[in-house]
Amino acid sequence: MRQKLVRLFGGVAIAALAIGGTAACKSDSGSDAADGCGSKIAFFGALTGPSAALGINENNGVKLAVDQYNKANPDCKVELVPLDSQGDPAQAPGLAQKAIDDEKLLGIVGPAYSGESEAANPLFSEAGLVHITASATNPTLADQSWPTFFRVVGNDLSQGPAAGKYIKDVLKSEKVYVIDDQSAYGAGLSSEVKKVLGASVVGEDKVQGDGKQADFSAVVTKVKNSGADVVFYGGYYQEAGLIRKQLSAANVKVTLVAGDGVNDKSYITGAGAAAAEGTILTCPCQPATEARGSFKDDYKATFGEDPGTYSDTAFDAANILLAGIKDGAGTRAKMLEFVKGYEGDGVAASYKFAANGELEADQVKVWAYKVVNGEVVPDQEIK
């Protein structure tokens, strides 16, 4: 049976179910694991290291959801466990095992990145531990028959074609140079973009991600010689910023287009505001600042800044898990059954999962964002 929710006046149903009804799951002893009281959820992603900006965005969203839940349920609190992967797939199996060994931990928001998902998800699947990613977009993650895998955003089969469509129809480019960082995410996204662009791709190259490369002069020379007027980059913000900075320093006049892994203010810091100006960034997500209900105001009041990319989807993913706990899903098996049947509205989107854990197609939206005056601002939804 699907746990069907309806939107409530002045807020959203997903959060209302999670935080409403103070102490509804409290047992006589004050902590009954079968009811979910005293249980834990975790955020799994980069909180330190070169990939931390997006992870911190998400962790803040999860923390806000847990704080709101605990305020509304002071006798039935849930603990948030941060699992800092530094975005490194090599660390993912050890962190996954740490989560699995904690019997009070009922669900994971994450992993945040596709590479670490590939490393950790098989372990979660074997242990029956639900994991809802708010940002890992490689399509193949849904093809592995992991019963515990769920994703609250569209994948690169939606983002890649949308980025390619924007390059063709809005930028009207006929000469595109494609670069990727060889990661599961970056290579996968670039592959989907190339399928749309076809003969418009006049060159391509690969670089090293994870902070392993800082000199991109050879790539800059290839881009310049290709005559491209657009560069598409599949990867994350730290390398994208350096590539954009070095292209501008060499007076190579191209528009940089990149995916959600670059959609963060840290990209502008790395590139410099002048070089980053005009960059197009796609995301299978709506602007977090346009989230429903009071999310934006609550986030800013808590963290002193506007929500960033995937702060809202992580908030929603956490609230799905918290709604399960509120509903009495006090074991991993019960939580898995709850999430499989979940249907409801969040601050970022409406949620209903297909059998493979994907967000059902009619719920997916892809937006283009643009760097204007040193800020990432919404440009348009790509239909």
Protein backbone atom coordinates (compact mmCIF):
# COMPACT_ATOMS: atom_id res chain seq x y z
CA MET A 1 0.00 0.00 0.00
CA ARG A 2 1.30 3.46 -0.80
CA GLN A 3 1.61 5.94 2.05
CA LYS A 4 -0.29 8.62 0.14
CA LEU A 5 -0.12 12.18 1.46
CA VAL A 6 -1.76 15.42 0.41
CA ARG A 7 -0.34 18.92 0.60
CA LEU A 8 -1.37 20.88 3.67
CA PHE A 9 -2.26 24.56 3.82
CA GLY A 10 0.78 26.70 4.65
CA GLY A 11 3.29 23.87 4.35
CA VAL A 12 3.91 20.50 2.77
CA ALA A 13 2.58 17.12 3.73
CA ILE A 14 5.93 15.28 3.84
CA ALA A 15 7.22 17.52 6.62
CA ALA A 16 3.85 17.70 8.34
CA LEU A 17 3.67 13.94 8.73
CA ALA A 18 7.26 13.71 9.96
CA ILE A 19 7.00 16.41 12.61
CA GLY A 20 3.33 16.41 13.51
CA GLY A 21 1.83 14.74 16.57
CA THR A 22 4.32 15.19 19.39
CA ALA A 23 5.60 11.97 20.95
CA ALA A 24 3.27 9.76 18.94
CA CYS A 25 5.84 6.96 18.86
CA LYS A 26 6.94 7.08 22.49
CA SER A 27 6.69 3.81 24.38
CA ASP A 28 6.19 3.37 28.12
CA SER A 29 9.94 3.06 28.59
CA GLY A 30 10.57 6.23 26.59
CA SER A 31 12.63 4.48 23.90
CA ASP A 32 11.24 1.56 21.97
CA ALA A 33 13.29 0.62 18.91
CA ALA A 34 10.32 -1.25 17.44
CA ASP A 35 8.48 2.09 17.26
CA GLY A 36 11.50 4.02 15.97
CA CYS A 37 12.13 6.10 19.09
CA GLY A 38 15.84 6.50 19.81
CA SER A 39 16.72 5.44 16.26
CA LYS A 40 19.14 7.11 13.85
CA ILE A 41 19.41 8.26 10.27
CA ALA A 42 22.66 9.21 8.55
CA PHE A 43 23.94 11.58 5.89
CA PHE A 44 26.57 9.95 3.67
CA GLY A 45 28.72 12.31 1.57
CA ALA A 46 31.64 14.71 1.52
CA LEU A 47 31.77 17.02 4.52
CA THR A 48 35.48 17.77 4.22
CA GLY A 49 37.92 17.76 1.31
CA PRO A 50 37.69 19.26 -2.19
CA SER A 51 34.13 18.01 -2.84
CA ALA A 52 32.64 19.20 0.43
CA ALA A 53 30.52 22.15 -0.71
CA LEU A 54 27.69 20.11 -2.18
CA GLY A 55 27.87 17.63 0.69
CA ILE A 56 27.53 20.41 3.25
CA ASN A 57 24.50 21.75 1.37
CA GLU A 58 22.86 18.36 1.70
CA ASN A 59 23.90 17.68 5.27
CA ASN A 60 22.41 21.03 6.29
CA GLY A 61 19.12 20.04 4.69
CA VAL A 62 19.10 16.74 6.55
CA LYS A 63 20.06 18.43 9.82
CA LEU A 64 17.21 20.92 9.45
CA ALA A 65 14.73 18.09 8.91
CA VAL A 66 15.97 16.18 11.97
CA ASP A 67 16.02 19.31 14.15
CA GLN A 68 12.44 20.13 13.20
CA TYR A 69 11.35 16.56 13.83
CA ASN A 70 12.99 16.45 17.26
CA LYS A 71 11.50 19.79 18.25
CA ALA A 72 8.05 18.46 17.44
CA ASN A 73 8.74 15.07 19.06
CA PRO A 74 10.83 15.78 22.17
CA ASP A 75 10.02 12.40 23.73
CA CYS A 76 10.79 10.43 20.59
CA LYS A 77 13.95 11.94 19.14
CA VAL A 78 16.00 10.74 16.20
CA GLU A 79 19.78 11.13 16.00
CA LEU A 80 21.61 12.30 12.87
CA VAL A 81 24.88 10.50 12.12
CA PRO A 82 27.28 12.29 9.72
CA LEU A 83 29.31 9.92 7.53
CA ASP A 84 32.06 11.98 5.87
CA SER A 85 33.22 10.21 2.70
CA GLN A 86 35.24 13.18 1.37
CA GLY A 87 33.64 12.18 -1.95
CA ASP A 88 36.17 9.34 -2.22
CA PRO A 89 34.84 5.95 -3.45
CA ALA A 90 37.75 4.23 -1.69
CA GLN A 91 36.38 5.33 1.69
CA ALA A 92 32.80 4.36 0.91
CA PRO A 93 32.85 0.62 1.80
CA GLY A 94 34.32 1.26 5.25
CA LEU A 95 31.77 3.99 6.00
CA ALA A 96 28.96 1.79 4.70
CA GLN A 97 30.02 -1.01 7.04
CA LYS A 98 30.14 1.44 9.95
CA ALA A 99 26.54 2.41 9.21
CA ILE A 100 25.44 -1.20 8.81
CA ASP A 101 27.01 -2.20 12.14
CA ASP A 102 24.95 0.44 13.99
CA GLU A 103 21.70 -1.43 14.61
CA LYS A 104 19.84 1.76 15.55
CA LEU A 105 20.52 3.28 12.13
CA LEU A 106 17.40 2.82 9.99
CA GLY A 107 18.14 4.81 6.84
CA ILE A 108 20.72 6.80 4.88
CA VAL A 109 20.40 10.06 2.97
CA GLY A 110 23.00 9.46 0.29
CA PRO A 111 25.51 8.52 -0.83
CA ALA A 112 25.78 11.95 -2.39
CA TYR A 113 28.04 11.04 -5.32
CA SER A 114 27.79 8.35 -7.97
CA GLY A 115 31.25 6.85 -7.51
CA GLU A 116 30.85 6.32 -3.78
CA SER A 117 27.34 5.00 -4.43
CA GLU A 118 28.75 2.28 -6.67
CA ALA A 119 31.10 1.27 -3.86
CA ALA A 120 28.68 1.45 -0.92
CA ASN A 121 25.28 0.49 -2.31
CA PRO A 122 25.92 -3.26 -2.69
CA LEU A 123 26.70 -3.41 1.04
CA PHE A 124 23.55 -1.48 1.94
CA SER A 125 21.52 -3.78 -0.27
CA GLU A 126 22.88 -6.90 1.40
CA ALA A 127 22.15 -5.44 4.84
CA GLY A 128 18.64 -4.26 3.93
CA LEU A 129 19.49 -0.65 4.83
CA VAL A 130 17.49 1.96 2.90
CA HIS A 131 19.53 4.67 1.17
CA ILE A 132 17.90 7.63 -0.57
CA THR A 133 20.29 9.71 -2.64
CA ALA A 134 19.50 13.38 -3.13
CA SER A 135 22.13 13.97 -5.79
CA ALA A 136 23.87 10.89 -7.28
CA THR A 137 22.65 10.93 -10.89
CA ASN A 138 24.45 8.14 -12.77
CA PRO A 139 21.64 6.14 -14.45
CA THR A 140 23.31 2.77 -13.91
CA LEU A 141 22.78 3.01 -10.15
CA ALA A 142 19.15 2.04 -10.75
CA ASP A 143 20.10 -0.95 -12.91
CA GLN A 144 21.81 -3.04 -10.24
CA SER A 145 18.72 -4.61 -8.62
CA TRP A 146 19.54 -3.02 -5.27
CA PRO A 147 16.19 -3.23 -3.42
CA THR A 148 17.27 -0.56 -0.92
CA PHE A 149 18.21 2.10 -3.52
CA PHE A 150 16.03 5.21 -4.01
CA ARG A 151 16.69 8.52 -5.77
CA VAL A 152 14.73 11.77 -5.26
CA VAL A 153 16.10 13.57 -8.35
CA GLY A 154 16.22 12.75 -12.04
CA ASN A 155 19.24 10.94 -13.44
CA ASP A 156 21.64 11.81 -16.22
CA LEU A 157 19.31 10.32 -18.82
CA SER A 158 17.21 13.41 -18.15
CA GLN A 159 19.95 15.93 -17.34
CA GLY A 160 22.30 15.00 -20.19
CA PRO A 161 19.76 15.36 -23.01
CA ALA A 162 18.44 18.57 -21.41
CA ALA A 163 21.95 20.07 -21.34
CA GLY A 164 22.50 19.06 -24.95
CA LYS A 165 19.14 20.57 -25.91
CA TYR A 166 20.05 23.85 -24.20
CA ILE A 167 23.38 24.00 -26.05
CA LYS A 168 21.64 23.41 -29.40
CA ASP A 169 18.44 25.40 -29.00
CA VAL A 170 19.36 28.26 -26.67
CA LEU A 171 23.09 28.75 -27.24
CA LYS A 172 22.71 27.57 -30.86
CA SER A 173 26.21 26.18 -30.88
CA GLU A 174 27.48 24.01 -33.72
CA LYS A 175 30.99 23.55 -32.28
CA VAL A 176 31.21 22.00 -28.83
CA TYR A 177 34.26 20.62 -27.04
CA VAL A 178 33.43 17.98 -24.40
CA ILE A 179 35.61 17.32 -21.34
CA ASP A 180 35.01 14.92 -18.45
CA ASP A 181 36.81 13.93 -15.25
CA GLN A 182 36.59 10.15 -15.84
CA SER A 183 34.34 9.69 -12.79
CA ALA A 184 31.18 7.57 -12.93
CA TYR A 185 29.19 10.79 -12.81
CA GLY A 186 31.23 12.99 -15.13
CA ALA A 187 31.85 10.43 -17.87
CA GLY A 188 28.25 9.25 -17.77
CA LEU A 189 26.80 12.74 -18.05
CA SER A 190 29.16 13.71 -20.87
CA SER A 191 28.22 10.57 -22.78
CA GLU A 192 24.54 11.53 -22.70
CA VAL A 193 25.32 15.09 -23.83
CA LYS A 194 27.37 13.82 -26.78
CA LYS A 195 24.48 11.66 -27.95
CA VAL A 196 22.34 14.77 -28.38
CA LEU A 197 25.04 16.97 -29.91
CA GLY A 198 26.26 14.43 -32.46
CA ALA A 199 28.37 16.04 -35.18
CA SER A 200 28.49 19.32 -33.23
CA VAL A 201 31.16 17.76 -31.00
CA VAL A 202 34.42 18.98 -32.53
CA GLY A 203 36.72 17.50 -29.88
CA GLU A 204 36.84 15.81 -26.52
CA ASP A 205 39.30 15.18 -23.72
CA LYS A 206 39.59 13.70 -20.24
CA VAL A 207 41.12 15.18 -17.10
CA GLN A 208 41.73 14.00 -13.55
CA GLY A 209 39.22 14.86 -10.84
CA ASP A 210 39.31 14.77 -7.04
CA GLY A 211 41.87 17.57 -6.88
CA LYS A 212 44.51 15.49 -8.68
CA GLN A 213 45.07 17.96 -11.53
CA ALA A 214 45.51 21.73 -11.46
CA ASP A 215 47.24 22.50 -14.77
CA PHE A 216 44.84 22.30 -17.72
CA SER A 217 46.98 24.19 -20.24
CA ALA A 218 47.09 21.25 -22.67
CA VAL A 219 43.29 21.03 -22.65
CA VAL A 220 42.99 24.80 -23.09
CA THR A 221 45.21 24.63 -26.18
CA LYS A 222 43.08 21.85 -27.68
CA VAL A 223 39.88 23.80 -27.06
CA LYS A 224 41.39 26.91 -28.69
CA ASN A 225 42.56 24.97 -31.75
CA SER A 226 39.18 23.27 -32.14
CA GLY A 227 37.32 26.51 -32.82
CA ALA A 228 34.62 25.56 -30.32
CA ASP A 229 32.37 28.26 -28.93
CA VAL A 230 30.99 26.05 -26.14
CA VAL A 231 32.76 23.70 -23.73
CA PHE A 232 30.72 21.09 -21.90
CA TYR A 233 32.33 19.78 -18.71
CA GLY A 234 31.24 16.60 -16.96
CA GLY A 235 32.64 16.59 -13.44
CA TYR A 236 32.75 18.67 -10.27
CA TYR A 237 33.21 22.32 -9.40
CA GLN A 238 36.84 22.31 -8.25
CA GLU A 239 38.27 21.29 -11.66
CA ALA A 240 35.59 23.19 -13.58
CA GLY A 241 36.60 26.41 -11.82
CA LEU A 242 40.23 25.96 -12.75
CA ILE A 243 39.43 25.07 -16.36
CA ARG A 244 37.22 28.14 -16.71
CA LYS A 245 39.89 30.35 -15.13
CA GLN A 246 42.63 29.05 -17.42
CA LEU A 247 40.45 29.33 -20.54
CA SER A 248 39.82 32.99 -19.73
CA ALA A 249 43.49 33.63 -18.96
CA ALA A 250 44.36 32.28 -22.42
CA ASN A 251 41.68 34.52 -23.97
CA VAL A 252 39.70 31.52 -25.23
CA LYS A 253 36.19 32.91 -25.70
CA VAL A 254 33.81 30.03 -25.03
CA THR A 255 30.71 29.49 -22.91
CA LEU A 256 31.21 26.80 -20.30
CA VAL A 257 28.23 24.50 -19.73
CA ALA A 258 28.33 21.94 -16.92
CA GLY A 259 26.06 19.74 -14.84
CA ASP A 260 24.90 19.73 -11.25
CA GLY A 261 28.32 18.74 -9.91
CA VAL A 262 29.46 22.27 -10.77
CA ASN A 263 26.26 24.01 -9.66
CA ASP A 264 27.68 25.56 -6.51
CA LYS A 265 29.07 28.97 -5.52
CA SER A 266 32.45 27.31 -4.94
CA TYR A 267 32.77 27.09 -8.72
CA ILE A 268 32.65 30.87 -8.93
CA THR A 269 35.25 31.17 -6.18
CA GLY A 270 37.58 28.82 -8.07
CA ALA A 271 37.12 30.42 -11.46
CA GLY A 272 36.89 34.01 -10.32
CA ALA A 273 33.70 35.99 -10.80
CA ALA A 274 34.77 37.60 -14.09
CA ALA A 275 35.77 34.31 -15.71
CA ALA A 276 32.68 32.47 -14.40
CA GLU A 277 30.25 35.09 -15.74
CA GLY A 278 27.81 33.57 -18.21
CA THR A 279 28.49 29.95 -17.30
CA ILE A 280 25.45 27.67 -17.75
CA LEU A 281 24.87 25.00 -15.09
CA THR A 282 22.17 22.34 -15.33
CA CYS A 283 20.51 20.41 -12.53
CA PRO A 284 17.70 17.83 -12.33
CA CYS A 285 16.29 20.01 -9.57
CA GLN A 286 14.31 23.18 -9.18
CA PRO A 287 15.94 26.25 -7.58
CA ALA A 288 16.27 25.50 -3.85
CA THR A 289 15.34 29.09 -3.10
CA GLU A 290 11.93 28.44 -4.68
CA ALA A 291 11.14 25.46 -2.48
CA ARG A 292 7.63 25.14 -1.12
CA GLY A 293 6.48 26.15 2.32
CA SER A 294 8.80 27.86 4.78
CA PHE A 295 11.90 25.86 3.84
CA LYS A 296 13.99 28.77 2.53
CA ASP A 297 13.28 30.95 5.56
CA ASP A 298 13.83 28.09 8.01
CA TYR A 299 17.12 27.17 6.35
CA LYS A 300 18.41 30.74 6.34
CA ALA A 301 17.40 31.26 9.97
CA THR A 302 19.33 28.12 10.95
CA PHE A 303 22.46 28.38 8.80
CA GLY A 304 22.67 32.11 8.01
CA GLU A 305 22.54 31.67 4.24
CA ASP A 306 20.16 30.61 1.49
CA PRO A 307 19.88 26.89 0.73
CA GLY A 308 22.27 25.59 -1.90
CA THR A 309 22.04 22.95 -4.60
CA TYR A 310 20.34 19.81 -3.26
CA SER A 311 19.71 21.26 0.21
CA ASP A 312 15.98 20.92 -0.49
CA THR A 313 16.08 17.42 -1.98
CA ALA A 314 18.18 16.20 0.95
CA PHE A 315 15.64 17.77 3.33
CA ASP A 316 12.89 15.86 1.53
CA ALA A 317 14.82 12.58 1.55
CA ALA A 318 15.38 12.91 5.30
CA ASN A 319 11.73 13.67 5.86
CA ILE A 320 10.70 10.52 4.00
CA LEU A 321 12.79 8.51 6.46
CA LEU A 322 11.44 10.50 9.40
CA ALA A 323 7.89 9.95 8.16
CA GLY A 324 8.64 6.22 8.21
CA ILE A 325 9.82 6.43 11.81
CA LYS A 326 6.70 8.43 12.67
CA ASP A 327 4.62 5.72 11.05
CA GLY A 328 6.20 3.07 13.28
CA ALA A 329 8.91 1.78 10.93
CA GLY A 330 11.29 0.94 13.76
CA THR A 331 13.26 -1.75 11.91
CA ARG A 332 15.18 -1.71 8.64
CA ALA A 333 12.72 -4.13 7.06
CA LYS A 334 9.76 -1.94 8.00
CA MET A 335 11.53 1.17 6.77
CA LEU A 336 12.23 -0.47 3.41
CA GLU A 337 8.58 -1.42 3.05
CA PHE A 338 7.48 2.11 3.97
CA VAL A 339 9.77 3.83 1.44
CA LYS A 340 8.85 1.41 -1.35
CA GLY A 341 5.21 2.37 -0.90
CA TYR A 342 5.76 6.06 -0.25
CA GLU A 343 3.91 8.74 -2.18
CA GLY A 344 3.80 12.37 -1.12
CA ASP A 345 4.77 16.00 -1.57
CA GLY A 346 7.97 17.59 -0.35
CA VAL A 347 9.41 21.08 -0.51
CA ALA A 348 11.33 20.35 -3.73
CA ALA A 349 9.02 17.98 -5.59
CA SER A 350 6.38 15.29 -5.34
CA TYR A 351 7.65 11.77 -4.73
CA LYS A 352 6.58 8.39 -5.97
CA PHE A 353 9.15 5.70 -6.67
CA ALA A 354 9.29 3.23 -9.53
CA ALA A 355 10.20 -0.40 -8.86
CA ASN A 356 13.92 0.30 -9.44
CA GLY A 357 13.97 3.16 -6.93
CA GLU A 358 13.91 5.95 -9.50
CA LEU A 359 11.67 8.97 -9.15
CA GLU A 360 8.79 8.38 -11.55
CA ALA A 361 9.39 10.23 -14.83
CA ASP A 362 6.50 12.67 -14.59
CA GLN A 363 8.03 14.08 -11.39
CA VAL A 364 11.43 14.91 -12.92
CA LYS A 365 12.35 18.52 -13.76
CA VAL A 366 15.62 19.83 -15.22
CA TRP A 367 16.62 23.46 -14.86
CA ALA A 368 19.36 25.60 -16.40
CA TYR A 369 21.10 28.11 -14.13
CA LYS A 370 23.39 30.95 -15.13
CA VAL A 371 26.24 32.77 -13.41
CA VAL A 372 25.28 36.45 -13.33
CA ASN A 373 27.20 39.09 -11.38
CA GLY A 374 29.00 36.48 -9.33
CA GLU A 375 25.87 34.51 -8.38
CA VAL A 376 24.24 31.32 -9.66
CA VAL A 377 20.68 32.30 -10.60
CA PRO A 378 17.83 30.35 -12.24
CA ASP A 379 17.73 30.77 -16.01
CA GLN A 380 14.91 28.52 -17.26
CA GLU A 381 13.36 25.11 -16.93
CA ILE A 382 14.42 22.90 -19.84
CA LYS A 383 11.28 21.14 -21.06
